[in-house]
């Protein structure tokens, strides 16, 4: 390893281990472990000082680590949770649950991980597809990117099942996960699966200059609202977070707070930026993350074993014969979500 690579690797390790999560958001949650003020200040200072100004690999690394930590988890913690999940029967959803426990107070968790992934991409681009041509530092960055993308997929499921809930949240989380699979199926082929679905209307959000088709999904006696991209030829389900008005993203409300007309609020709020959909944030992120981790990791490692187990659980192909990446598709996710009833308490 040359001097530059050693410096960059040391830099990554120091900033990853030093930053901590986002639990300072709600000081009333005294049951959660609070970080020191110094740690909280550090990742905030990194973002404040470098966002929009970073030009070097070192600065991109700092920003990526800062956004990972802001989301509630460092990459070291993500790897640990992935590996610990492998010993369970339902390993991927165990990983999803452990991520939710760590990031449940971070309202921007998904957006933060997306930003971290973007900074790793600025460093490595698409070179992870050819790992034999990479040096040690570049392989490490590929691993970091793969871990971030795997976390992104887990965060997406948590947004799907935990946001926009009515007061009876304990019952509704599993119902909404099932409803989301019906919404995905409806967006893809017009079928409603095990739910009843009706088209409501088309709505327009002024701040993002975007239009969505709104649908109502009825699952197990509960009604859930979903937004679809308005492109009828390539419809996708939008990842949302809370409810808001059509002209103001700044104030979001829980479902239980609704007394006036609010709408499921998309995470993507900036004009001319990519939509955050279940397809790109869950399916594409999982596939890219898994493929990258498997490409640059020791085939005998616990991490590879865990990622392969995740793939085999979700994929209808159930390819257990090798550690080569098996991509999941929408039908796999729908089927996998619909099997989760067997794991309820």
C-alpha atoms as a PDB file:
ATOM      1  CA  UNK A   1       0.000   0.000   0.000  1.00  0.00           C
ATOM      2  CA  UNK A   2       1.504   3.357  -1.019  1.00  0.00           C
ATOM      3  CA  UNK A   3       1.711   6.328   1.301  1.00  0.00           C
ATOM      4  CA  UNK A   4      -1.416   8.027  -0.048  1.00  0.00           C
ATOM      5  CA  UNK A   5      -3.502   4.885   0.391  1.00  0.00           C
ATOM      6  CA  UNK A   6      -2.250   4.420   3.945  1.00  0.00           C
ATOM      7  CA  UNK A   7      -3.149   8.011   4.800  1.00  0.00           C
ATOM      8  CA  UNK A   8      -6.619   7.710   3.294  1.00  0.00           C
ATOM      9  CA  UNK A   9      -7.318   4.402   5.004  1.00  0.00           C
ATOM     10  CA  UNK A  10      -6.180   5.784   8.340  1.00  0.00           C
ATOM     11  CA  UNK A  11      -8.339   8.846   7.753  1.00  0.00           C
ATOM     12  CA  UNK A  12     -11.394   6.691   7.080  1.00  0.00           C
ATOM     13  CA  UNK A  13     -10.875   4.583  10.181  1.00  0.00           C
ATOM     14  CA  UNK A  14     -10.442   7.605  12.395  1.00  0.00           C
ATOM     15  CA  UNK A  15     -13.512   9.468  11.180  1.00  0.00           C
ATOM     16  CA  UNK A  16     -15.697   6.341  11.132  1.00  0.00           C
ATOM     17  CA  UNK A  17     -14.864   5.370  14.698  1.00  0.00           C
ATOM     18  CA  UNK A  18     -15.002   8.927  15.987  1.00  0.00           C
ATOM     19  CA  UNK A  19     -18.439  10.006  14.806  1.00  0.00           C
ATOM     20  CA  UNK A  20     -21.551   8.757  16.528  1.00  0.00           C
ATOM     21  CA  UNK A  21     -25.279   8.587  15.746  1.00  0.00           C
ATOM     22  CA  UNK A  22     -28.112  11.078  15.604  1.00  0.00           C
ATOM     23  CA  UNK A  23     -29.768  10.452  18.955  1.00  0.00           C
ATOM     24  CA  UNK A  24     -29.483  14.068  19.987  1.00  0.00           C
ATOM     25  CA  UNK A  25     -32.592  14.811  17.907  1.00  0.00           C
ATOM     26  CA  UNK A  26     -34.977  14.002  20.743  1.00  0.00           C
ATOM     27  CA  UNK A  27     -33.495  14.516  24.177  1.00  0.00           C
ATOM     28  CA  UNK A  28     -36.722  13.294  25.743  1.00  0.00           C
ATOM     29  CA  UNK A  29     -35.902   9.741  24.686  1.00  0.00           C
ATOM     30  CA  UNK A  30     -33.825   9.054  27.769  1.00  0.00           C
ATOM     31  CA  UNK A  31     -33.784   5.309  27.184  1.00  0.00           C
ATOM     32  CA  UNK A  32     -31.464   5.762  24.187  1.00  0.00           C
ATOM     33  CA  UNK A  33     -27.746   6.107  24.575  1.00  0.00           C
ATOM     34  CA  UNK A  34     -26.751   9.702  23.944  1.00  0.00           C
ATOM     35  CA  UNK A  35     -23.526  10.649  22.145  1.00  0.00           C
ATOM     36  CA  UNK A  36     -21.127  13.169  23.577  1.00  0.00           C
ATOM     37  CA  UNK A  37     -21.610  16.752  22.471  1.00  0.00           C
ATOM     38  CA  UNK A  38     -18.164  16.639  20.916  1.00  0.00           C
ATOM     39  CA  UNK A  39     -19.048  13.736  18.621  1.00  0.00           C
ATOM     40  CA  UNK A  40     -22.358  15.287  17.590  1.00  0.00           C
ATOM     41  CA  UNK A  41     -20.640  18.581  16.887  1.00  0.00           C
ATOM     42  CA  UNK A  42     -17.926  16.932  14.817  1.00  0.00           C
ATOM     43  CA  UNK A  43     -20.079  15.330  12.130  1.00  0.00           C
ATOM     44  CA  UNK A  44     -22.224  18.453  11.982  1.00  0.00           C
ATOM     45  CA  UNK A  45     -19.114  20.593  11.558  1.00  0.00           C
ATOM     46  CA  UNK A  46     -17.768  18.347   8.805  1.00  0.00           C
ATOM     47  CA  UNK A  47     -21.010  18.667   6.851  1.00  0.00           C
ATOM     48  CA  UNK A  48     -21.270  22.415   7.478  1.00  0.00           C
ATOM     49  CA  UNK A  49     -17.689  23.078   6.422  1.00  0.00           C
ATOM     50  CA  UNK A  50     -17.375  20.721   3.432  1.00  0.00           C
ATOM     51  CA  UNK A  51     -20.834  20.315   1.885  1.00  0.00           C
ATOM     52  CA  UNK A  52     -20.783  21.943  -1.544  1.00  0.00           C
ATOM     53  CA  UNK A  53     -17.075  22.760  -1.190  1.00  0.00           C
ATOM     54  CA  UNK A  54     -15.345  19.354  -1.170  1.00  0.00           C
ATOM     55  CA  UNK A  55     -12.965  18.690  -4.052  1.00  0.00           C
ATOM     56  CA  UNK A  56     -10.547  16.013  -2.805  1.00  0.00           C
ATOM     57  CA  UNK A  57     -10.835  12.317  -2.022  1.00  0.00           C
ATOM     58  CA  UNK A  58     -10.033  13.008   1.612  1.00  0.00           C
ATOM     59  CA  UNK A  59     -12.906  15.502   1.855  1.00  0.00           C
ATOM     60  CA  UNK A  60     -15.329  13.151   0.098  1.00  0.00           C
ATOM     61  CA  UNK A  61     -14.374  10.427   2.586  1.00  0.00           C
ATOM     62  CA  UNK A  62     -15.020  12.740   5.516  1.00  0.00           C
ATOM     63  CA  UNK A  63     -18.419  13.756   4.171  1.00  0.00           C
ATOM     64  CA  UNK A  64     -19.425  10.144   3.455  1.00  0.00           C
ATOM     65  CA  UNK A  65     -18.499   9.084   6.995  1.00  0.00           C
ATOM     66  CA  UNK A  66     -20.258  12.118   8.464  1.00  0.00           C
ATOM     67  CA  UNK A  67     -23.503  11.368   6.636  1.00  0.00           C
ATOM     68  CA  UNK A  68     -23.330   7.692   7.600  1.00  0.00           C
ATOM     69  CA  UNK A  69     -22.970   8.693  11.229  1.00  0.00           C
ATOM     70  CA  UNK A  70     -25.724  11.292  10.928  1.00  0.00           C
ATOM     71  CA  UNK A  71     -28.028   8.499   9.768  1.00  0.00           C
ATOM     72  CA  UNK A  72     -27.496   6.741  13.087  1.00  0.00           C
ATOM     73  CA  UNK A  73     -24.929   4.055  12.183  1.00  0.00           C
ATOM     74  CA  UNK A  74     -21.255   3.929  11.246  1.00  0.00           C
ATOM     75  CA  UNK A  75     -20.106   1.450   8.606  1.00  0.00           C
ATOM     76  CA  UNK A  76     -18.451  -0.627  11.306  1.00  0.00           C
ATOM     77  CA  UNK A  77     -21.823  -0.960  13.036  1.00  0.00           C
ATOM     78  CA  UNK A  78     -23.576  -1.800   9.752  1.00  0.00           C
ATOM     79  CA  UNK A  79     -21.111  -4.625   9.090  1.00  0.00           C
ATOM     80  CA  UNK A  80     -21.547  -5.944  12.615  1.00  0.00           C
ATOM     81  CA  UNK A  81     -25.351  -5.965  12.303  1.00  0.00           C
ATOM     82  CA  UNK A  82     -25.199  -7.729   8.922  1.00  0.00           C
ATOM     83  CA  UNK A  83     -22.948 -10.467  10.295  1.00  0.00           C
ATOM     84  CA  UNK A  84     -24.951 -10.880  13.503  1.00  0.00           C
ATOM     85  CA  UNK A  85     -28.160 -11.347  11.505  1.00  0.00           C
ATOM     86  CA  UNK A  86     -26.886 -14.440   9.679  1.00  0.00           C
ATOM     87  CA  UNK A  87     -27.508 -16.725  12.634  1.00  0.00           C
ATOM     88  CA  UNK A  88     -31.260 -16.065  12.548  1.00  0.00           C
ATOM     89  CA  UNK A  89     -33.984 -17.771  10.505  1.00  0.00           C
ATOM     90  CA  UNK A  90     -35.231 -14.583   8.879  1.00  0.00           C
ATOM     91  CA  UNK A  91     -31.846 -12.914   8.572  1.00  0.00           C
ATOM     92  CA  UNK A  92     -32.537  -9.960   6.278  1.00  0.00           C
ATOM     93  CA  UNK A  93     -35.568  -8.777   8.252  1.00  0.00           C
ATOM     94  CA  UNK A  94     -33.560  -9.300  11.440  1.00  0.00           C
ATOM     95  CA  UNK A  95     -30.980  -6.919   9.960  1.00  0.00           C
ATOM     96  CA  UNK A  96     -33.774  -4.496   9.001  1.00  0.00           C
ATOM     97  CA  UNK A  97     -35.100  -4.588  12.572  1.00  0.00           C
ATOM     98  CA  UNK A  98     -31.671  -3.992  14.102  1.00  0.00           C
ATOM     99  CA  UNK A  99     -31.182  -1.011  11.799  1.00  0.00           C
ATOM    100  CA  UNK A 100     -34.575   0.391  12.799  1.00  0.00           C
ATOM    101  CA  UNK A 101     -33.666   0.113  16.480  1.00  0.00           C
ATOM    102  CA  UNK A 102     -30.529   2.188  15.818  1.00  0.00           C
ATOM    103  CA  UNK A 103     -31.969   4.816  13.462  1.00  0.00           C
ATOM    104  CA  UNK A 104     -35.589   5.207  14.595  1.00  0.00           C
ATOM    105  CA  UNK A 105     -34.947   8.725  15.902  1.00  0.00           C
ATOM    106  CA  UNK A 106     -33.296   9.896  12.674  1.00  0.00           C
ATOM    107  CA  UNK A 107     -35.995  11.342  10.441  1.00  0.00           C
ATOM    108  CA  UNK A 108     -33.490  11.836   7.604  1.00  0.00           C
ATOM    109  CA  UNK A 109     -31.812   8.413   7.838  1.00  0.00           C
ATOM    110  CA  UNK A 110     -32.550   7.365   4.264  1.00  0.00           C
ATOM    111  CA  UNK A 111     -31.524  10.688   2.763  1.00  0.00           C
ATOM    112  CA  UNK A 112     -28.302  10.698   4.800  1.00  0.00           C
ATOM    113  CA  UNK A 113     -27.280   7.225   3.617  1.00  0.00           C
ATOM    114  CA  UNK A 114     -28.092   8.244   0.033  1.00  0.00           C
ATOM    115  CA  UNK A 115     -25.701  11.181   0.380  1.00  0.00           C
ATOM    116  CA  UNK A 116     -22.985   8.969   1.851  1.00  0.00           C
ATOM    117  CA  UNK A 117     -23.359   6.592  -1.108  1.00  0.00           C
ATOM    118  CA  UNK A 118     -23.126   9.508  -3.533  1.00  0.00           C
ATOM    119  CA  UNK A 119     -19.803  10.592  -2.014  1.00  0.00           C
ATOM    120  CA  UNK A 120     -18.375   7.081  -2.246  1.00  0.00           C
ATOM    121  CA  UNK A 121     -19.510   7.055  -5.878  1.00  0.00           C
ATOM    122  CA  UNK A 122     -17.655  10.311  -6.497  1.00  0.00           C
ATOM    123  CA  UNK A 123     -14.489   8.560  -5.348  1.00  0.00           C
ATOM    124  CA  UNK A 124     -14.856   5.170  -7.030  1.00  0.00           C
ATOM    125  CA  UNK A 125     -17.433   5.590  -9.817  1.00  0.00           C
ATOM    126  CA  UNK A 126     -18.287   2.280 -11.500  1.00  0.00           C
ATOM    127  CA  UNK A 127     -14.840   0.751 -11.001  1.00  0.00           C
ATOM    128  CA  UNK A 128     -16.107  -1.715  -8.383  1.00  0.00           C
ATOM    129  CA  UNK A 129     -17.369  -3.815 -11.296  1.00  0.00           C
ATOM    130  CA  UNK A 130     -13.740  -4.767 -12.049  1.00  0.00           C
ATOM    131  CA  UNK A 131     -12.202  -5.506  -8.624  1.00  0.00           C
ATOM    132  CA  UNK A 132      -9.060  -7.150 -10.026  1.00  0.00           C
ATOM    133  CA  UNK A 133      -7.921  -3.764 -11.340  1.00  0.00           C
ATOM    134  CA  UNK A 134      -8.359  -1.993  -7.983  1.00  0.00           C
ATOM    135  CA  UNK A 135      -5.758  -1.245  -5.338  1.00  0.00           C
ATOM    136  CA  UNK A 136      -6.395  -1.874  -1.635  1.00  0.00           C
ATOM    137  CA  UNK A 137      -7.796   1.572  -0.914  1.00  0.00           C
ATOM    138  CA  UNK A 138     -10.163   1.419  -3.885  1.00  0.00           C
ATOM    139  CA  UNK A 139     -11.439  -2.007  -2.809  1.00  0.00           C
ATOM    140  CA  UNK A 140     -12.072  -0.594   0.643  1.00  0.00           C
ATOM    141  CA  UNK A 141     -14.116   2.254  -0.817  1.00  0.00           C
ATOM    142  CA  UNK A 142     -16.106  -0.298  -2.824  1.00  0.00           C
ATOM    143  CA  UNK A 143     -16.804  -2.177   0.393  1.00  0.00           C
ATOM    144  CA  UNK A 144     -17.935   1.028   2.118  1.00  0.00           C
ATOM    145  CA  UNK A 145     -20.220   1.820  -0.805  1.00  0.00           C
ATOM    146  CA  UNK A 146     -21.677  -1.694  -0.748  1.00  0.00           C
ATOM    147  CA  UNK A 147     -22.363  -1.506   2.976  1.00  0.00           C
ATOM    148  CA  UNK A 148     -24.017   1.893   2.586  1.00  0.00           C
ATOM    149  CA  UNK A 149     -26.241   0.590  -0.222  1.00  0.00           C
ATOM    150  CA  UNK A 150     -27.244  -2.462   1.836  1.00  0.00           C
ATOM    151  CA  UNK A 151     -28.160  -0.125   4.690  1.00  0.00           C
ATOM    152  CA  UNK A 152     -30.111   2.006   2.215  1.00  0.00           C
ATOM    153  CA  UNK A 153     -32.232  -1.020   1.273  1.00  0.00           C
ATOM    154  CA  UNK A 154     -32.909  -1.813   4.944  1.00  0.00           C
ATOM    155  CA  UNK A 155     -33.793   1.809   5.702  1.00  0.00           C
ATOM    156  CA  UNK A 156     -36.240   1.795   2.792  1.00  0.00           C
ATOM    157  CA  UNK A 157     -38.151  -1.138   4.282  1.00  0.00           C
ATOM    158  CA  UNK A 158     -38.252   0.642   7.621  1.00  0.00           C
ATOM    159  CA  UNK A 159     -39.687   3.753   5.964  1.00  0.00           C
ATOM    160  CA  UNK A 160     -42.253   1.563   4.227  1.00  0.00           C
ATOM    161  CA  UNK A 161     -43.459  -0.212   7.343  1.00  0.00           C
ATOM    162  CA  UNK A 162     -42.987   2.442  10.016  1.00  0.00           C
ATOM    163  CA  UNK A 163     -44.026   5.783   8.521  1.00  0.00           C
ATOM    164  CA  UNK A 164     -47.476   7.284   7.925  1.00  0.00           C
ATOM    165  CA  UNK A 165     -49.020   5.168  10.667  1.00  0.00           C
ATOM    166  CA  UNK A 166     -52.354   5.607  12.405  1.00  0.00           C
ATOM    167  CA  UNK A 167     -52.336   5.611  16.238  1.00  0.00           C
ATOM    168  CA  UNK A 168     -52.470   1.784  16.311  1.00  0.00           C
ATOM    169  CA  UNK A 169     -48.899   1.573  15.046  1.00  0.00           C
ATOM    170  CA  UNK A 170     -48.049  -1.808  16.583  1.00  0.00           C
ATOM    171  CA  UNK A 171     -50.662  -3.515  14.422  1.00  0.00           C
ATOM    172  CA  UNK A 172     -50.209  -1.320  11.410  1.00  0.00           C
ATOM    173  CA  UNK A 173     -46.493  -1.811  10.739  1.00  0.00           C
ATOM    174  CA  UNK A 174     -46.948  -5.345   9.401  1.00  0.00           C
ATOM    175  CA  UNK A 175     -50.167  -4.385   7.605  1.00  0.00           C
ATOM    176  CA  UNK A 176     -48.487  -1.483   5.862  1.00  0.00           C
ATOM    177  CA  UNK A 177     -45.588  -3.678   4.745  1.00  0.00           C
ATOM    178  CA  UNK A 178     -48.103  -6.026   3.152  1.00  0.00           C
ATOM    179  CA  UNK A 179     -49.962  -3.053   1.647  1.00  0.00           C
ATOM    180  CA  UNK A 180     -46.718  -1.799   0.127  1.00  0.00           C
ATOM    181  CA  UNK A 181     -46.234  -5.116  -1.691  1.00  0.00           C
ATOM    182  CA  UNK A 182     -49.723  -4.708  -3.147  1.00  0.00           C
ATOM    183  CA  UNK A 183     -48.882  -1.133  -4.199  1.00  0.00           C
ATOM    184  CA  UNK A 184     -45.698  -2.346  -5.911  1.00  0.00           C
ATOM    185  CA  UNK A 185     -47.606  -5.033  -7.754  1.00  0.00           C
ATOM    186  CA  UNK A 186     -50.312  -2.558  -8.768  1.00  0.00           C
ATOM    187  CA  UNK A 187     -47.727  -0.074 -10.092  1.00  0.00           C
ATOM    188  CA  UNK A 188     -46.027  -2.831 -12.065  1.00  0.00           C
ATOM    189  CA  UNK A 189     -48.926  -4.674 -13.684  1.00  0.00           C
ATOM    190  CA  UNK A 190     -52.205  -3.220 -12.426  1.00  0.00           C
ATOM    191  CA  UNK A 191     -52.974  -6.191 -10.152  1.00  0.00           C
ATOM    192  CA  UNK A 192     -53.838  -5.643  -6.494  1.00  0.00           C
ATOM    193  CA  UNK A 193     -52.463  -8.862  -5.001  1.00  0.00           C
ATOM    194  CA  UNK A 194     -53.995  -9.682  -1.613  1.00  0.00           C
ATOM    195  CA  UNK A 195     -55.326  -6.137  -1.161  1.00  0.00           C
ATOM    196  CA  UNK A 196     -58.079  -3.944  -2.531  1.00  0.00           C
ATOM    197  CA  UNK A 197     -56.805  -0.831  -4.360  1.00  0.00           C
ATOM    198  CA  UNK A 198     -58.533   2.244  -5.746  1.00  0.00           C
ATOM    199  CA  UNK A 199     -57.157   5.221  -7.665  1.00  0.00           C
ATOM    200  CA  UNK A 200     -57.843   8.421  -5.724  1.00  0.00           C
ATOM    201  CA  UNK A 201     -56.566  11.383  -7.729  1.00  0.00           C
ATOM    202  CA  UNK A 202     -53.488  13.082  -9.170  1.00  0.00           C
ATOM    203  CA  UNK A 203     -51.772  15.622  -6.918  1.00  0.00           C
ATOM    204  CA  UNK A 204     -49.124  18.270  -7.558  1.00  0.00           C
ATOM    205  CA  UNK A 205     -46.441  19.386  -5.069  1.00  0.00           C
ATOM    206  CA  UNK A 206     -45.481  22.971  -5.840  1.00  0.00           C
ATOM    207  CA  UNK A 207     -42.085  23.040  -4.095  1.00  0.00           C
ATOM    208  CA  UNK A 208     -40.666  20.075  -6.004  1.00  0.00           C
ATOM    209  CA  UNK A 209     -42.682  20.738  -9.176  1.00  0.00           C
ATOM    210  CA  UNK A 210     -43.755  17.095  -9.269  1.00  0.00           C
ATOM    211  CA  UNK A 211     -46.991  15.308  -9.950  1.00  0.00           C
ATOM    212  CA  UNK A 212     -48.041  11.956  -8.473  1.00  0.00           C
ATOM    213  CA  UNK A 213     -50.918   9.526  -8.752  1.00  0.00           C
ATOM    214  CA  UNK A 214     -52.434   8.864  -5.335  1.00  0.00           C
ATOM    215  CA  UNK A 215     -53.879   5.428  -4.530  1.00  0.00           C
ATOM    216  CA  UNK A 216     -55.648   3.946  -1.521  1.00  0.00           C
ATOM    217  CA  UNK A 217     -54.644   0.424  -0.512  1.00  0.00           C
ATOM    218  CA  UNK A 218     -56.885  -1.589   1.808  1.00  0.00           C
ATOM    219  CA  UNK A 219     -55.142  -4.394   3.692  1.00  0.00           C
ATOM    220  CA  UNK A 220     -56.562  -6.412   6.612  1.00  0.00           C
ATOM    221  CA  UNK A 221     -59.239  -3.817   7.284  1.00  0.00           C
ATOM    222  CA  UNK A 222     -56.849  -0.840   7.228  1.00  0.00           C
ATOM    223  CA  UNK A 223     -56.482   1.915   4.629  1.00  0.00           C
ATOM    224  CA  UNK A 224     -53.052   3.179   3.507  1.00  0.00           C
ATOM    225  CA  UNK A 225     -52.099   5.964   1.143  1.00  0.00           C
ATOM    226  CA  UNK A 226     -49.364   5.549  -1.464  1.00  0.00           C
ATOM    227  CA  UNK A 227     -47.999   7.784  -4.196  1.00  0.00           C
ATOM    228  CA  UNK A 228     -47.006   6.521  -7.631  1.00  0.00           C
ATOM    229  CA  UNK A 229     -44.949   8.217 -10.310  1.00  0.00           C
ATOM    230  CA  UNK A 230     -47.339   9.742 -12.822  1.00  0.00           C
ATOM    231  CA  UNK A 231     -45.645   8.067 -15.809  1.00  0.00           C
ATOM    232  CA  UNK A 232     -48.229   5.416 -16.711  1.00  0.00           C
ATOM    233  CA  UNK A 233     -45.706   3.416 -18.769  1.00  0.00           C
ATOM    234  CA  UNK A 234     -43.174   3.077 -15.956  1.00  0.00           C
ATOM    235  CA  UNK A 235     -44.983   3.488 -12.660  1.00  0.00           C
ATOM    236  CA  UNK A 236     -43.094   3.155  -9.399  1.00  0.00           C
ATOM    237  CA  UNK A 237     -44.053   3.504  -5.743  1.00  0.00           C
ATOM    238  CA  UNK A 238     -42.644   6.634  -4.088  1.00  0.00           C
ATOM    239  CA  UNK A 239     -40.925   6.355  -0.697  1.00  0.00           C
ATOM    240  CA  UNK A 240     -42.707   8.791   1.633  1.00  0.00           C
ATOM    241  CA  UNK A 241     -42.141  10.163   5.120  1.00  0.00           C
ATOM    242  CA  UNK A 242     -45.087  11.565   7.039  1.00  0.00           C
ATOM    243  CA  UNK A 243     -47.758  13.870   5.650  1.00  0.00           C
ATOM    244  CA  UNK A 244     -47.583  17.464   4.397  1.00  0.00           C
ATOM    245  CA  UNK A 245     -49.520  20.038   2.402  1.00  0.00           C
ATOM    246  CA  UNK A 246     -49.133  20.380  -1.344  1.00  0.00           C
ATOM    247  CA  UNK A 247     -47.285  23.688  -1.034  1.00  0.00           C
ATOM    248  CA  UNK A 248     -45.097  23.134   2.033  1.00  0.00           C
ATOM    249  CA  UNK A 249     -42.625  20.327   2.722  1.00  0.00           C
ATOM    250  CA  UNK A 250     -41.097  21.970   5.784  1.00  0.00           C
ATOM    251  CA  UNK A 251     -43.701  20.760   8.305  1.00  0.00           C
ATOM    252  CA  UNK A 252     -44.564  17.083   8.290  1.00  0.00           C
ATOM    253  CA  UNK A 253     -47.201  15.391  10.388  1.00  0.00           C
ATOM    254  CA  UNK A 254     -47.797  11.858  11.589  1.00  0.00           C
ATOM    255  CA  UNK A 255     -51.005  10.226  10.460  1.00  0.00           C
ATOM    256  CA  UNK A 256     -52.407  10.529  13.983  1.00  0.00           C
ATOM    257  CA  UNK A 257     -52.052  14.323  13.795  1.00  0.00           C
ATOM    258  CA  UNK A 258     -54.272  14.721  10.759  1.00  0.00           C
ATOM    259  CA  UNK A 259     -57.199  17.024  11.262  1.00  0.00           C
ATOM    260  CA  UNK A 260     -56.992  18.821   7.930  1.00  0.00           C
ATOM    261  CA  UNK A 261     -56.158  17.803   4.380  1.00  0.00           C
ATOM    262  CA  UNK A 262     -52.579  16.544   4.213  1.00  0.00           C
ATOM    263  CA  UNK A 263     -51.014  14.123   1.776  1.00  0.00           C
ATOM    264  CA  UNK A 264     -48.400  11.376   1.961  1.00  0.00           C
ATOM    265  CA  UNK A 265     -45.175  13.359   1.640  1.00  0.00           C
ATOM    266  CA  UNK A 266     -42.390  12.200  -0.705  1.00  0.00           C
ATOM    267  CA  UNK A 267     -38.827  12.129   0.578  1.00  0.00           C
ATOM    268  CA  UNK A 268     -37.609  13.752  -2.645  1.00  0.00           C
ATOM    269  CA  UNK A 269     -38.369  17.443  -2.160  1.00  0.00           C
ATOM    270  CA  UNK A 270     -35.864  19.115  -4.491  1.00  0.00           C
ATOM    271  CA  UNK A 271     -36.726  19.822  -8.152  1.00  0.00           C
ATOM    272  CA  UNK A 272     -34.592  18.130 -10.819  1.00  0.00           C
ATOM    273  CA  UNK A 273     -33.224  15.453  -8.489  1.00  0.00           C
ATOM    274  CA  UNK A 274     -33.881  11.728  -8.830  1.00  0.00           C
ATOM    275  CA  UNK A 275     -37.033  10.387  -7.230  1.00  0.00           C
ATOM    276  CA  UNK A 276     -36.584   8.039  -4.271  1.00  0.00           C
ATOM    277  CA  UNK A 277     -38.711   5.027  -5.143  1.00  0.00           C
ATOM    278  CA  UNK A 278     -38.995   1.523  -3.759  1.00  0.00           C
ATOM    279  CA  UNK A 279     -37.381   0.280  -6.959  1.00  0.00           C
ATOM    280  CA  UNK A 280     -34.204   2.352  -6.825  1.00  0.00           C
ATOM    281  CA  UNK A 281     -33.903   2.681  -3.042  1.00  0.00           C
ATOM    282  CA  UNK A 282     -34.661  -0.930  -2.143  1.00  0.00           C
ATOM    283  CA  UNK A 283     -34.213  -3.237  -5.136  1.00  0.00           C
ATOM    284  CA  UNK A 284     -31.442  -1.445  -7.044  1.00  0.00           C
ATOM    285  CA  UNK A 285     -29.559  -0.489  -3.873  1.00  0.00           C
ATOM    286  CA  UNK A 286     -29.694  -4.026  -2.523  1.00  0.00           C
ATOM    287  CA  UNK A 287     -28.502  -5.524  -5.808  1.00  0.00           C
ATOM    288  CA  UNK A 288     -25.663  -3.063  -6.287  1.00  0.00           C
ATOM    289  CA  UNK A 289     -24.613  -3.267  -2.650  1.00  0.00           C
ATOM    290  CA  UNK A 290     -24.620  -7.071  -2.570  1.00  0.00           C
ATOM    291  CA  UNK A 291     -22.775  -7.378  -5.879  1.00  0.00           C
ATOM    292  CA  UNK A 292     -20.105  -4.926  -4.745  1.00  0.00           C
ATOM    293  CA  UNK A 293     -19.580  -6.551  -1.333  1.00  0.00           C
ATOM    294  CA  UNK A 294     -19.285 -10.016  -2.878  1.00  0.00           C
ATOM    295  CA  UNK A 295     -16.869  -8.751  -5.538  1.00  0.00           C
ATOM    296  CA  UNK A 296     -14.347  -7.222  -3.147  1.00  0.00           C
ATOM    297  CA  UNK A 297     -14.664  -9.424  -0.051  1.00  0.00           C
ATOM    298  CA  UNK A 298     -13.050 -12.709   0.990  1.00  0.00           C
ATOM    299  CA  UNK A 299     -15.371 -15.467  -0.199  1.00  0.00           C
ATOM    300  CA  UNK A 300     -14.978 -17.255   3.142  1.00  0.00           C
ATOM    301  CA  UNK A 301     -15.814 -14.232   5.281  1.00  0.00           C
ATOM    302  CA  UNK A 302     -18.826 -13.923   7.578  1.00  0.00           C
ATOM    303  CA  UNK A 303     -19.872 -10.843   5.626  1.00  0.00           C
ATOM    304  CA  UNK A 304     -20.106 -12.773   2.352  1.00  0.00           C
ATOM    305  CA  UNK A 305     -21.990 -15.574   4.087  1.00  0.00           C
ATOM    306  CA  UNK A 306     -24.515 -13.070   5.461  1.00  0.00           C
ATOM    307  CA  UNK A 307     -25.029 -11.181   2.191  1.00  0.00           C
ATOM    308  CA  UNK A 308     -25.489 -14.448   0.297  1.00  0.00           C
ATOM    309  CA  UNK A 309     -28.039 -15.541   2.889  1.00  0.00           C
ATOM    310  CA  UNK A 310     -29.923 -12.264   2.408  1.00  0.00           C
ATOM    311  CA  UNK A 311     -30.032 -12.874  -1.345  1.00  0.00           C
ATOM    312  CA  UNK A 312     -31.183 -16.458  -1.001  1.00  0.00           C
ATOM    313  CA  UNK A 313     -34.008 -15.489   1.365  1.00  0.00           C
ATOM    314  CA  UNK A 314     -35.361 -12.790  -0.932  1.00  0.00           C
ATOM    315  CA  UNK A 315     -34.716 -14.275  -4.353  1.00  0.00           C
ATOM    316  CA  UNK A 316     -37.274 -16.662  -5.790  1.00  0.00           C
ATOM    317  CA  UNK A 317     -34.369 -18.306  -7.635  1.00  0.00           C
ATOM    318  CA  UNK A 318     -32.868 -19.263  -4.239  1.00  0.00           C
ATOM    319  CA  UNK A 319     -29.384 -19.709  -5.677  1.00  0.00           C
ATOM    320  CA  UNK A 320     -27.522 -21.348  -2.794  1.00  0.00           C
ATOM    321  CA  UNK A 321     -24.793 -22.937  -4.878  1.00  0.00           C
ATOM    322  CA  UNK A 322     -22.326 -20.044  -5.010  1.00  0.00           C
ATOM    323  CA  UNK A 323     -21.424 -16.626  -3.664  1.00  0.00           C
ATOM    324  CA  UNK A 324     -21.941 -14.989  -7.054  1.00  0.00           C
ATOM    325  CA  UNK A 325     -24.421 -12.148  -6.908  1.00  0.00           C
ATOM    326  CA  UNK A 326     -28.049 -13.115  -7.529  1.00  0.00           C
ATOM    327  CA  UNK A 327     -30.054 -10.022  -8.404  1.00  0.00           C
ATOM    328  CA  UNK A 328     -33.504  -9.659  -6.915  1.00  0.00           C
ATOM    329  CA  UNK A 329     -36.442  -8.275  -8.883  1.00  0.00           C
ATOM    330  CA  UNK A 330     -39.751  -6.710  -7.892  1.00  0.00           C
ATOM    331  CA  UNK A 331     -41.571 -10.060  -7.907  1.00  0.00           C
ATOM    332  CA  UNK A 332     -38.998 -11.397  -5.421  1.00  0.00           C
ATOM    333  CA  UNK A 333     -39.591  -8.497  -3.040  1.00  0.00           C
ATOM    334  CA  UNK A 334     -43.384  -8.789  -3.269  1.00  0.00           C
ATOM    335  CA  UNK A 335     -43.231 -12.506  -2.555  1.00  0.00           C
ATOM    336  CA  UNK A 336     -40.710 -12.035   0.268  1.00  0.00           C
ATOM    337  CA  UNK A 337     -42.805  -9.362   1.973  1.00  0.00           C
ATOM    338  CA  UNK A 338     -45.872 -11.573   1.737  1.00  0.00           C
ATOM    339  CA  UNK A 339     -44.056 -14.360   3.607  1.00  0.00           C
ATOM    340  CA  UNK A 340     -43.388 -12.161   6.641  1.00  0.00           C
ATOM    341  CA  UNK A 341     -46.668 -13.109   8.355  1.00  0.00           C
ATOM    342  CA  UNK A 342     -45.096 -16.410   9.370  1.00  0.00           C
ATOM    343  CA  UNK A 343     -42.525 -14.535  11.476  1.00  0.00           C
ATOM    344  CA  UNK A 344     -45.030 -12.483  13.496  1.00  0.00           C
ATOM    345  CA  UNK A 345     -45.130 -13.059  17.221  1.00  0.00           C
END
